[in-house]
Amino acid sequence: MRTPALAMMALVGFSSQANAQAPCPELTRLRIKASEAIEQTKGVPTSDRCEAYIRFSLAWGAIVQYANSNRELCEISMLSLGEIEKRHREAVKERESVCAGRVLRPFPAEVIRR
């Protein structure tokens, strides 16, 4: 699983790709919303953390839906669309972990030595 900081970097990277591909104002608005949602996961009390991650995963869900529906209009490559879908899956996994009370790991289990 990724930490919120890594997710944010991925979002910024996606933003650069999307801006280079074509102007698509709704996609830009959705990216901003996802960026704001990840910021809201930082420093929130444990009791509010699940709700913050729900908003984050929903924001990525909206990006996926819009990107799929407007792939040609926004000139989104299949590679970029795959990355968007991957980021959404990661956001959902993070949400599920946080809402289940598990700690997000900064690195995959195989990287952490015991």
N, C-alpha and C. Protein backbone atom coordinates (compact mmCIF):
# COMPACT_ATOMS: atom_id res chain seq x y z
N MET A 1 0.82 -1.17 0.00
CA MET A 1 0.00 0.00 0.00
C MET A 1 0.87 1.24 0.00
N ARG A 2 0.35 2.29 -0.46
CA ARG A 2 1.09 3.55 -0.56
C ARG A 2 0.68 4.47 0.58
N THR A 3 1.61 5.30 0.94
CA THR A 3 1.28 6.31 1.93
C THR A 3 0.59 7.46 1.22
N PRO A 4 -0.09 8.34 1.96
CA PRO A 4 -0.72 9.48 1.31
C PRO A 4 0.27 10.32 0.52
N ALA A 5 1.50 10.45 1.01
CA ALA A 5 2.49 11.25 0.28
C ALA A 5 2.79 10.64 -1.08
N LEU A 6 2.92 9.32 -1.14
CA LEU A 6 3.18 8.67 -2.43
C LEU A 6 1.98 8.81 -3.35
N ALA A 7 0.79 8.71 -2.79
CA ALA A 7 -0.41 8.88 -3.59
C ALA A 7 -0.46 10.30 -4.16
N MET A 8 -0.07 11.25 -3.35
CA MET A 8 -0.06 12.64 -3.81
C MET A 8 0.94 12.82 -4.93
N MET A 9 2.13 12.21 -4.80
CA MET A 9 3.12 12.31 -5.87
C MET A 9 2.57 11.70 -7.15
N ALA A 10 1.87 10.59 -7.03
CA ALA A 10 1.28 9.96 -8.20
C ALA A 10 0.25 10.88 -8.84
N LEU A 11 -0.53 11.55 -8.00
CA LEU A 11 -1.53 12.48 -8.50
C LEU A 11 -0.86 13.63 -9.24
N VAL A 12 0.21 14.15 -8.69
CA VAL A 12 0.94 15.23 -9.34
C VAL A 12 1.52 14.75 -10.66
N GLY A 13 2.08 13.54 -10.67
CA GLY A 13 2.62 12.98 -11.91
C GLY A 13 1.54 12.81 -12.96
N PHE A 14 0.37 12.34 -12.54
CA PHE A 14 -0.74 12.21 -13.47
C PHE A 14 -1.16 13.57 -13.99
N SER A 15 -1.16 14.58 -13.12
CA SER A 15 -1.54 15.93 -13.53
C SER A 15 -0.63 16.43 -14.63
N SER A 16 0.66 16.18 -14.51
CA SER A 16 1.60 16.62 -15.52
C SER A 16 1.32 15.93 -16.85
N GLN A 17 1.04 14.62 -16.80
CA GLN A 17 0.75 13.89 -18.03
C GLN A 17 -0.53 14.41 -18.67
N ALA A 18 -1.56 14.59 -17.86
CA ALA A 18 -2.84 15.02 -18.40
C ALA A 18 -2.75 16.43 -18.99
N ASN A 19 -2.02 17.32 -18.32
CA ASN A 19 -1.87 18.67 -18.84
C ASN A 19 -1.11 18.67 -20.15
N ALA A 20 -0.16 17.76 -20.30
CA ALA A 20 0.61 17.69 -21.53
C ALA A 20 -0.23 17.11 -22.66
N GLN A 21 -1.22 16.30 -22.32
CA GLN A 21 -2.00 15.63 -23.35
C GLN A 21 -3.05 16.55 -23.98
N ALA A 22 -3.85 17.21 -23.16
CA ALA A 22 -4.91 18.04 -23.71
C ALA A 22 -5.58 18.81 -22.59
N PRO A 23 -6.09 19.99 -22.94
CA PRO A 23 -6.85 20.71 -21.93
C PRO A 23 -8.21 20.03 -21.75
N CYS A 24 -8.53 19.72 -20.55
CA CYS A 24 -9.79 19.06 -20.24
C CYS A 24 -10.22 19.58 -18.87
N PRO A 25 -10.97 20.68 -18.83
CA PRO A 25 -11.25 21.36 -17.57
C PRO A 25 -11.90 20.49 -16.50
N GLU A 26 -12.79 19.61 -16.87
CA GLU A 26 -13.46 18.77 -15.85
C GLU A 26 -12.47 17.80 -15.23
N LEU A 27 -11.58 17.27 -16.02
CA LEU A 27 -10.56 16.38 -15.50
C LEU A 27 -9.63 17.14 -14.54
N THR A 28 -9.30 18.34 -14.89
CA THR A 28 -8.49 19.18 -14.02
C THR A 28 -9.20 19.43 -12.70
N ARG A 29 -10.49 19.73 -12.76
CA ARG A 29 -11.28 19.96 -11.54
C ARG A 29 -11.30 18.71 -10.67
N LEU A 30 -11.46 17.55 -11.27
CA LEU A 30 -11.48 16.29 -10.52
C LEU A 30 -10.13 16.00 -9.89
N ARG A 31 -9.05 16.30 -10.60
CA ARG A 31 -7.71 16.11 -10.03
C ARG A 31 -7.50 17.01 -8.83
N ILE A 32 -7.96 18.24 -8.93
CA ILE A 32 -7.84 19.17 -7.81
C ILE A 32 -8.62 18.66 -6.61
N LYS A 33 -9.80 18.14 -6.86
CA LYS A 33 -10.63 17.59 -5.78
C LYS A 33 -9.91 16.41 -5.11
N ALA A 34 -9.28 15.54 -5.90
CA ALA A 34 -8.54 14.41 -5.33
C ALA A 34 -7.33 14.90 -4.54
N SER A 35 -6.69 15.93 -5.04
CA SER A 35 -5.55 16.51 -4.34
C SER A 35 -5.99 17.08 -2.99
N GLU A 36 -7.10 17.76 -2.98
CA GLU A 36 -7.64 18.31 -1.73
C GLU A 36 -8.03 17.18 -0.78
N ALA A 37 -8.59 16.11 -1.33
CA ALA A 37 -9.02 14.97 -0.49
C ALA A 37 -7.82 14.30 0.18
N ILE A 38 -6.70 14.14 -0.53
CA ILE A 38 -5.54 13.51 0.10
C ILE A 38 -4.97 14.42 1.18
N GLU A 39 -5.04 15.71 0.97
CA GLU A 39 -4.56 16.64 1.99
C GLU A 39 -5.41 16.51 3.26
N GLN A 40 -6.68 16.22 3.11
CA GLN A 40 -7.57 16.10 4.25
C GLN A 40 -7.34 14.82 5.05
N THR A 41 -6.53 13.90 4.53
CA THR A 41 -6.22 12.68 5.28
C THR A 41 -5.07 12.90 6.25
N LYS A 42 -4.35 13.99 6.07
CA LYS A 42 -3.17 14.26 6.90
C LYS A 42 -3.58 14.92 8.21
N GLY A 43 -3.08 14.38 9.29
CA GLY A 43 -3.26 14.99 10.59
C GLY A 43 -4.67 14.98 11.15
N VAL A 44 -5.55 14.18 10.56
CA VAL A 44 -6.91 14.12 11.10
C VAL A 44 -6.96 13.12 12.26
N PRO A 45 -7.84 13.35 13.21
CA PRO A 45 -7.98 12.39 14.31
C PRO A 45 -8.37 11.01 13.77
N THR A 46 -7.97 10.00 14.47
CA THR A 46 -8.26 8.63 14.04
C THR A 46 -9.74 8.42 13.76
N SER A 47 -10.59 9.04 14.56
CA SER A 47 -12.03 8.86 14.39
C SER A 47 -12.54 9.42 13.06
N ASP A 48 -11.83 10.38 12.48
CA ASP A 48 -12.24 10.99 11.21
C ASP A 48 -11.46 10.48 10.01
N ARG A 49 -10.45 9.67 10.26
CA ARG A 49 -9.56 9.22 9.19
C ARG A 49 -10.29 8.39 8.13
N CYS A 50 -11.19 7.50 8.56
CA CYS A 50 -11.92 6.66 7.60
C CYS A 50 -12.71 7.52 6.63
N GLU A 51 -13.42 8.50 7.16
CA GLU A 51 -14.21 9.38 6.30
C GLU A 51 -13.34 10.13 5.30
N ALA A 52 -12.17 10.56 5.74
CA ALA A 52 -11.25 11.26 4.84
C ALA A 52 -10.79 10.34 3.71
N TYR A 53 -10.50 9.08 4.01
CA TYR A 53 -10.08 8.14 2.97
C TYR A 53 -11.24 7.73 2.07
N ILE A 54 -12.43 7.74 2.59
CA ILE A 54 -13.60 7.49 1.74
C ILE A 54 -13.69 8.59 0.69
N ARG A 55 -13.56 9.85 1.11
CA ARG A 55 -13.60 10.97 0.17
C ARG A 55 -12.47 10.85 -0.86
N PHE A 56 -11.29 10.45 -0.41
CA PHE A 56 -10.15 10.29 -1.31
C PHE A 56 -10.42 9.22 -2.36
N SER A 57 -10.92 8.06 -1.94
CA SER A 57 -11.17 6.99 -2.90
C SER A 57 -12.33 7.34 -3.84
N LEU A 58 -13.33 8.05 -3.34
CA LEU A 58 -14.42 8.50 -4.21
C LEU A 58 -13.93 9.51 -5.24
N ALA A 59 -13.01 10.37 -4.84
CA ALA A 59 -12.45 11.35 -5.77
C ALA A 59 -11.73 10.64 -6.91
N TRP A 60 -10.93 9.60 -6.57
CA TRP A 60 -10.24 8.84 -7.61
C TRP A 60 -11.24 8.06 -8.46
N GLY A 61 -12.33 7.58 -7.85
CA GLY A 61 -13.37 6.90 -8.61
C GLY A 61 -13.98 7.82 -9.65
N ALA A 62 -14.18 9.08 -9.28
CA ALA A 62 -14.73 10.05 -10.22
C ALA A 62 -13.76 10.32 -11.37
N ILE A 63 -12.47 10.35 -11.05
CA ILE A 63 -11.46 10.54 -12.10
C ILE A 63 -11.49 9.37 -13.07
N VAL A 64 -11.55 8.16 -12.55
CA VAL A 64 -11.59 6.97 -13.41
C VAL A 64 -12.82 7.01 -14.32
N GLN A 65 -13.96 7.30 -13.72
CA GLN A 65 -15.20 7.33 -14.50
C GLN A 65 -15.13 8.37 -15.61
N TYR A 66 -14.68 9.56 -15.26
CA TYR A 66 -14.59 10.63 -16.26
C TYR A 66 -13.55 10.28 -17.33
N ALA A 67 -12.40 9.77 -16.90
CA ALA A 67 -11.35 9.43 -17.87
C ALA A 67 -11.82 8.34 -18.83
N ASN A 68 -12.53 7.35 -18.33
CA ASN A 68 -13.06 6.29 -19.20
C ASN A 68 -14.08 6.85 -20.18
N SER A 69 -14.94 7.71 -19.70
CA SER A 69 -16.01 8.26 -20.54
C SER A 69 -15.50 9.28 -21.56
N ASN A 70 -14.38 9.93 -21.25
CA ASN A 70 -13.89 11.02 -22.10
C ASN A 70 -12.46 10.80 -22.55
N ARG A 71 -12.08 9.55 -22.68
CA ARG A 71 -10.69 9.23 -23.03
C ARG A 71 -10.26 9.90 -24.33
N GLU A 72 -11.07 9.81 -25.35
CA GLU A 72 -10.69 10.40 -26.64
C GLU A 72 -10.74 11.92 -26.59
N LEU A 73 -11.79 12.48 -26.00
CA LEU A 73 -11.93 13.92 -25.90
C LEU A 73 -10.75 14.54 -25.16
N CYS A 74 -10.33 13.91 -24.08
CA CYS A 74 -9.23 14.42 -23.26
C CYS A 74 -7.87 13.89 -23.70
N GLU A 75 -7.87 13.08 -24.76
CA GLU A 75 -6.65 12.49 -25.31
C GLU A 75 -5.84 11.76 -24.24
N ILE A 76 -6.53 10.90 -23.49
CA ILE A 76 -5.88 10.11 -22.44
C ILE A 76 -5.44 8.79 -23.06
N SER A 77 -4.17 8.52 -22.98
CA SER A 77 -3.64 7.28 -23.56
C SER A 77 -4.11 6.08 -22.73
N MET A 78 -4.03 4.92 -23.32
CA MET A 78 -4.39 3.70 -22.60
C MET A 78 -3.44 3.49 -21.43
N LEU A 79 -2.19 3.86 -21.60
CA LEU A 79 -1.21 3.75 -20.53
C LEU A 79 -1.61 4.65 -19.35
N SER A 80 -1.97 5.89 -19.65
CA SER A 80 -2.39 6.81 -18.60
C SER A 80 -3.68 6.33 -17.94
N LEU A 81 -4.60 5.83 -18.74
CA LEU A 81 -5.84 5.30 -18.19
C LEU A 81 -5.57 4.14 -17.24
N GLY A 82 -4.63 3.29 -17.62
CA GLY A 82 -4.24 2.18 -16.74
C GLY A 82 -3.66 2.69 -15.43
N GLU A 83 -2.86 3.74 -15.49
CA GLU A 83 -2.29 4.33 -14.28
C GLU A 83 -3.39 4.94 -13.40
N ILE A 84 -4.34 5.60 -14.02
CA ILE A 84 -5.46 6.18 -13.28
C ILE A 84 -6.23 5.09 -12.56
N GLU A 85 -6.52 4.01 -13.26
CA GLU A 85 -7.24 2.90 -12.65
C GLU A 85 -6.43 2.27 -11.52
N LYS A 86 -5.12 2.17 -11.70
CA LYS A 86 -4.25 1.63 -10.66
C LYS A 86 -4.30 2.52 -9.41
N ARG A 87 -4.21 3.82 -9.60
CA ARG A 87 -4.26 4.76 -8.46
C ARG A 87 -5.60 4.64 -7.74
N HIS A 88 -6.67 4.44 -8.48
CA HIS A 88 -7.98 4.27 -7.84
C HIS A 88 -8.00 2.99 -7.00
N ARG A 89 -7.48 1.91 -7.55
CA ARG A 89 -7.44 0.65 -6.78
C ARG A 89 -6.62 0.83 -5.51
N GLU A 90 -5.51 1.55 -5.61
CA GLU A 90 -4.68 1.80 -4.43
C GLU A 90 -5.42 2.65 -3.40
N ALA A 91 -6.16 3.65 -3.87
CA ALA A 91 -6.94 4.49 -2.96
C ALA A 91 -8.01 3.67 -2.25
N VAL A 92 -8.63 2.74 -2.96
CA VAL A 92 -9.64 1.87 -2.36
C VAL A 92 -9.00 0.97 -1.31
N LYS A 93 -7.83 0.40 -1.61
CA LYS A 93 -7.13 -0.44 -0.64
C LYS A 93 -6.75 0.35 0.61
N GLU A 94 -6.28 1.58 0.40
CA GLU A 94 -5.93 2.42 1.55
C GLU A 94 -7.18 2.70 2.38
N ARG A 95 -8.28 3.01 1.72
CA ARG A 95 -9.54 3.27 2.43
C ARG A 95 -9.95 2.05 3.24
N GLU A 96 -9.90 0.89 2.62
CA GLU A 96 -10.30 -0.33 3.32
C GLU A 96 -9.41 -0.58 4.53
N SER A 97 -8.12 -0.36 4.38
CA SER A 97 -7.19 -0.57 5.50
C SER A 97 -7.46 0.41 6.63
N VAL A 98 -7.58 1.68 6.29
CA VAL A 98 -7.80 2.70 7.32
C VAL A 98 -9.14 2.46 8.02
N CYS A 99 -10.18 2.19 7.27
CA CYS A 99 -11.50 2.01 7.85
C CYS A 99 -11.59 0.73 8.68
N ALA A 100 -10.70 -0.24 8.40
CA ALA A 100 -10.66 -1.47 9.20
C ALA A 100 -9.74 -1.30 10.41
N GLY A 101 -9.12 -0.14 10.52
CA GLY A 101 -8.26 0.13 11.67
C GLY A 101 -6.83 -0.36 11.51
N ARG A 102 -6.47 -0.77 10.29
CA ARG A 102 -5.09 -1.20 10.05
C ARG A 102 -4.22 0.02 9.74
N VAL A 103 -2.96 -0.09 10.04
CA VAL A 103 -2.01 0.99 9.77
C VAL A 103 -1.54 0.87 8.33
N LEU A 104 -1.47 2.01 7.65
CA LEU A 104 -0.93 2.01 6.29
C LEU A 104 0.56 1.80 6.36
N ARG A 105 1.06 0.91 5.53
CA ARG A 105 2.50 0.66 5.49
C ARG A 105 3.14 1.54 4.44
N PRO A 106 4.28 2.14 4.74
CA PRO A 106 4.94 2.98 3.74
C PRO A 106 5.62 2.18 2.64
N PHE A 107 5.91 0.91 2.90
CA PHE A 107 6.57 0.07 1.91
C PHE A 107 5.88 -1.29 1.86
N PRO A 108 5.97 -1.97 0.72
CA PRO A 108 5.41 -3.33 0.65
C PRO A 108 6.06 -4.24 1.67
N ALA A 109 5.37 -5.26 2.11
CA ALA A 109 5.86 -6.17 3.14
C ALA A 109 7.22 -6.76 2.82
N GLU A 110 7.47 -7.04 1.54
CA GLU A 110 8.75 -7.67 1.18
C GLU A 110 9.93 -6.72 1.36
N VAL A 111 9.69 -5.43 1.46
CA VAL A 111 10.76 -4.47 1.66
C VAL A 111 11.10 -4.32 3.15
N ILE A 112 10.12 -4.50 3.99
CA ILE A 112 10.32 -4.35 5.44
C ILE A 112 10.95 -5.63 5.99
N ARG A 113 12.12 -5.50 6.53
CA ARG A 113 12.81 -6.67 7.09
C ARG A 113 12.43 -6.82 8.54
N ARG A 114 12.27 -8.04 8.95
CA ARG A 114 11.90 -8.32 10.36
C ARG A 114 13.09 -8.71 11.14
